């Protein structure tokens, strides 16, 4: 199925990983590091976005609900309508910690923090 812009509604995870994440002002915030899938329910648990750091040092990994990301073909990036202050205070950890216990601990925290509807 194609979207109004002629793109398909489906996308490969490998295409999403590495895509820039910007705020609504177009400021670069980070990039999509990985996607955590729930293989039992066929849903996306959350997307891991890397913010800050240089050459992998000092980088923070933030889990974000997929629903807070909106793809912008003009920017060739995912846009989020969140302030830098909200992101600085958001749950963040190492990738290992985010995915511990199948990511369920962070999934609950993230959906509560961003006040997004749960899929489960």
C-alpha atoms as a PDB file:
ATOM      1  CA  UNK A   1       0.000   0.000   0.000  1.00  0.00           C
ATOM      2  CA  UNK A   2       1.358   3.425  -0.902  1.00  0.00           C
ATOM      3  CA  UNK A   3       1.099   6.617   1.112  1.00  0.00           C
ATOM      4  CA  UNK A   4      -0.109   9.983  -0.195  1.00  0.00           C
ATOM      5  CA  UNK A   5       3.481  10.845  -1.162  1.00  0.00           C
ATOM      6  CA  UNK A   6       3.821   7.661  -3.208  1.00  0.00           C
ATOM      7  CA  UNK A   7       6.014   5.845  -0.683  1.00  0.00           C
ATOM      8  CA  UNK A   8       5.033   2.459   0.603  1.00  0.00           C
ATOM      9  CA  UNK A   9       3.742   2.126   4.161  1.00  0.00           C
ATOM     10  CA  UNK A  10       6.287  -0.640   4.847  1.00  0.00           C
ATOM     11  CA  UNK A  11       9.950  -0.053   5.585  1.00  0.00           C
ATOM     12  CA  UNK A  12      12.852  -2.311   6.430  1.00  0.00           C
ATOM     13  CA  UNK A  13      14.299  -1.954   9.924  1.00  0.00           C
ATOM     14  CA  UNK A  14      17.765  -1.787   8.363  1.00  0.00           C
ATOM     15  CA  UNK A  15      16.632   1.344   6.494  1.00  0.00           C
ATOM     16  CA  UNK A  16      15.316   2.988   9.673  1.00  0.00           C
ATOM     17  CA  UNK A  17      18.470   2.305  11.709  1.00  0.00           C
ATOM     18  CA  UNK A  18      20.869   5.211  11.300  1.00  0.00           C
ATOM     19  CA  UNK A  19      18.169   7.687  10.251  1.00  0.00           C
ATOM     20  CA  UNK A  20      18.496  11.104  11.856  1.00  0.00           C
ATOM     21  CA  UNK A  21      16.070  12.296  14.516  1.00  0.00           C
ATOM     22  CA  UNK A  22      15.294  16.012  14.647  1.00  0.00           C
ATOM     23  CA  UNK A  23      12.984  18.245  16.627  1.00  0.00           C
ATOM     24  CA  UNK A  24      10.222  20.216  14.933  1.00  0.00           C
ATOM     25  CA  UNK A  25      12.629  23.154  14.425  1.00  0.00           C
ATOM     26  CA  UNK A  26      14.895  20.927  12.333  1.00  0.00           C
ATOM     27  CA  UNK A  27      17.642  20.710  14.971  1.00  0.00           C
ATOM     28  CA  UNK A  28      19.608  17.441  14.859  1.00  0.00           C
ATOM     29  CA  UNK A  29      19.062  15.471  18.056  1.00  0.00           C
ATOM     30  CA  UNK A  30      20.513  12.061  17.258  1.00  0.00           C
ATOM     31  CA  UNK A  31      19.796   8.974  15.221  1.00  0.00           C
ATOM     32  CA  UNK A  32      17.917   5.717  15.439  1.00  0.00           C
ATOM     33  CA  UNK A  33      20.294   3.179  16.890  1.00  0.00           C
ATOM     34  CA  UNK A  34      18.010   0.127  16.957  1.00  0.00           C
ATOM     35  CA  UNK A  35      14.432  -1.111  17.133  1.00  0.00           C
ATOM     36  CA  UNK A  36      13.151  -3.436  19.858  1.00  0.00           C
ATOM     37  CA  UNK A  37      10.420  -5.730  18.545  1.00  0.00           C
ATOM     38  CA  UNK A  38       7.900  -7.778  20.488  1.00  0.00           C
ATOM     39  CA  UNK A  39       7.972 -10.994  18.497  1.00  0.00           C
ATOM     40  CA  UNK A  40       5.015 -12.470  20.390  1.00  0.00           C
ATOM     41  CA  UNK A  41       2.576  -9.616  19.749  1.00  0.00           C
ATOM     42  CA  UNK A  42       4.124  -8.427  16.444  1.00  0.00           C
ATOM     43  CA  UNK A  43       4.486  -4.851  17.743  1.00  0.00           C
ATOM     44  CA  UNK A  44       7.369  -2.439  18.135  1.00  0.00           C
ATOM     45  CA  UNK A  45       8.204  -2.172  21.851  1.00  0.00           C
ATOM     46  CA  UNK A  46      10.277   0.957  21.340  1.00  0.00           C
ATOM     47  CA  UNK A  47      12.935   2.569  19.203  1.00  0.00           C
ATOM     48  CA  UNK A  48      16.376   3.235  20.674  1.00  0.00           C
ATOM     49  CA  UNK A  49      17.657   6.693  19.758  1.00  0.00           C
ATOM     50  CA  UNK A  50      21.216   7.820  20.482  1.00  0.00           C
ATOM     51  CA  UNK A  51      21.594  11.403  21.667  1.00  0.00           C
ATOM     52  CA  UNK A  52      24.765  13.348  22.318  1.00  0.00           C
ATOM     53  CA  UNK A  53      28.274  12.079  22.587  1.00  0.00           C
ATOM     54  CA  UNK A  54      31.106  12.068  20.101  1.00  0.00           C
ATOM     55  CA  UNK A  55      32.411   8.930  18.406  1.00  0.00           C
ATOM     56  CA  UNK A  56      30.352   6.781  20.755  1.00  0.00           C
ATOM     57  CA  UNK A  57      31.626   8.425  23.936  1.00  0.00           C
ATOM     58  CA  UNK A  58      29.142  10.097  26.262  1.00  0.00           C
ATOM     59  CA  UNK A  59      26.254   8.946  24.130  1.00  0.00           C
ATOM     60  CA  UNK A  60      22.890   8.357  25.768  1.00  0.00           C
ATOM     61  CA  UNK A  61      20.404   5.809  24.502  1.00  0.00           C
ATOM     62  CA  UNK A  62      16.772   6.805  24.843  1.00  0.00           C
ATOM     63  CA  UNK A  63      13.901   4.394  24.260  1.00  0.00           C
ATOM     64  CA  UNK A  64      11.051   6.153  22.442  1.00  0.00           C
ATOM     65  CA  UNK A  65       7.629   4.803  21.524  1.00  0.00           C
ATOM     66  CA  UNK A  66       7.455   4.389  17.755  1.00  0.00           C
ATOM     67  CA  UNK A  67       4.320   6.552  17.732  1.00  0.00           C
ATOM     68  CA  UNK A  68       6.208   9.731  18.779  1.00  0.00           C
ATOM     69  CA  UNK A  69       8.318   9.589  15.605  1.00  0.00           C
ATOM     70  CA  UNK A  70       6.933  11.113  12.409  1.00  0.00           C
ATOM     71  CA  UNK A  71       8.869  10.606   9.182  1.00  0.00           C
ATOM     72  CA  UNK A  72       9.529  13.740   7.111  1.00  0.00           C
ATOM     73  CA  UNK A  73      10.506  13.069   3.484  1.00  0.00           C
ATOM     74  CA  UNK A  74      11.641  16.702   3.137  1.00  0.00           C
ATOM     75  CA  UNK A  75      14.072  16.322   6.037  1.00  0.00           C
ATOM     76  CA  UNK A  76      14.817  12.636   5.325  1.00  0.00           C
ATOM     77  CA  UNK A  77      14.574  12.274   9.087  1.00  0.00           C
ATOM     78  CA  UNK A  78      12.194  11.346  11.854  1.00  0.00           C
ATOM     79  CA  UNK A  79      10.777  14.341  13.680  1.00  0.00           C
ATOM     80  CA  UNK A  80       9.748  14.402  17.314  1.00  0.00           C
ATOM     81  CA  UNK A  81       7.630  17.076  18.936  1.00  0.00           C
ATOM     82  CA  UNK A  82       9.540  17.050  22.224  1.00  0.00           C
ATOM     83  CA  UNK A  83      11.580  19.738  23.899  1.00  0.00           C
ATOM     84  CA  UNK A  84      15.266  19.233  24.664  1.00  0.00           C
ATOM     85  CA  UNK A  85      14.382  19.555  28.350  1.00  0.00           C
ATOM     86  CA  UNK A  86      11.857  16.703  28.118  1.00  0.00           C
ATOM     87  CA  UNK A  87      14.440  14.541  26.342  1.00  0.00           C
ATOM     88  CA  UNK A  88      17.165  15.351  28.887  1.00  0.00           C
ATOM     89  CA  UNK A  89      14.867  14.200  31.716  1.00  0.00           C
ATOM     90  CA  UNK A  90      13.639  11.129  29.798  1.00  0.00           C
ATOM     91  CA  UNK A  91      14.555   7.528  30.656  1.00  0.00           C
ATOM     92  CA  UNK A  92      17.955   6.635  29.199  1.00  0.00           C
ATOM     93  CA  UNK A  93      20.487   3.880  29.745  1.00  0.00           C
ATOM     94  CA  UNK A  94      22.872   1.528  27.976  1.00  0.00           C
ATOM     95  CA  UNK A  95      21.473  -0.664  25.223  1.00  0.00           C
ATOM     96  CA  UNK A  96      22.104  -3.708  27.433  1.00  0.00           C
ATOM     97  CA  UNK A  97      20.041  -2.214  30.275  1.00  0.00           C
ATOM     98  CA  UNK A  98      17.258  -1.088  27.931  1.00  0.00           C
ATOM     99  CA  UNK A  99      16.819  -4.601  26.569  1.00  0.00           C
ATOM    100  CA  UNK A 100      17.205  -6.488  29.862  1.00  0.00           C
ATOM    101  CA  UNK A 101      14.080  -8.491  30.811  1.00  0.00           C
ATOM    102  CA  UNK A 102      12.995  -8.319  27.155  1.00  0.00           C
ATOM    103  CA  UNK A 103      12.801  -4.515  27.441  1.00  0.00           C
ATOM    104  CA  UNK A 104       9.560  -4.735  29.434  1.00  0.00           C
ATOM    105  CA  UNK A 105      10.798  -2.562  32.322  1.00  0.00           C
ATOM    106  CA  UNK A 106      11.745   0.312  30.039  1.00  0.00           C
ATOM    107  CA  UNK A 107       8.714  -0.151  27.798  1.00  0.00           C
ATOM    108  CA  UNK A 108       6.436   0.580  30.758  1.00  0.00           C
ATOM    109  CA  UNK A 109       8.500   3.580  31.890  1.00  0.00           C
ATOM    110  CA  UNK A 110       8.723   5.039  28.385  1.00  0.00           C
ATOM    111  CA  UNK A 111       5.048   4.814  27.518  1.00  0.00           C
ATOM    112  CA  UNK A 112       4.204   6.402  30.888  1.00  0.00           C
ATOM    113  CA  UNK A 113       6.818   9.150  30.513  1.00  0.00           C
ATOM    114  CA  UNK A 114       5.704  10.146  26.999  1.00  0.00           C
ATOM    115  CA  UNK A 115       2.021   9.554  27.846  1.00  0.00           C
ATOM    116  CA  UNK A 116       1.442   7.446  24.764  1.00  0.00           C
ATOM    117  CA  UNK A 117      -1.253   4.779  24.355  1.00  0.00           C
ATOM    118  CA  UNK A 118      -0.086   1.258  25.087  1.00  0.00           C
ATOM    119  CA  UNK A 119      -0.413  -1.462  22.481  1.00  0.00           C
ATOM    120  CA  UNK A 120      -0.400  -4.263  25.044  1.00  0.00           C
END
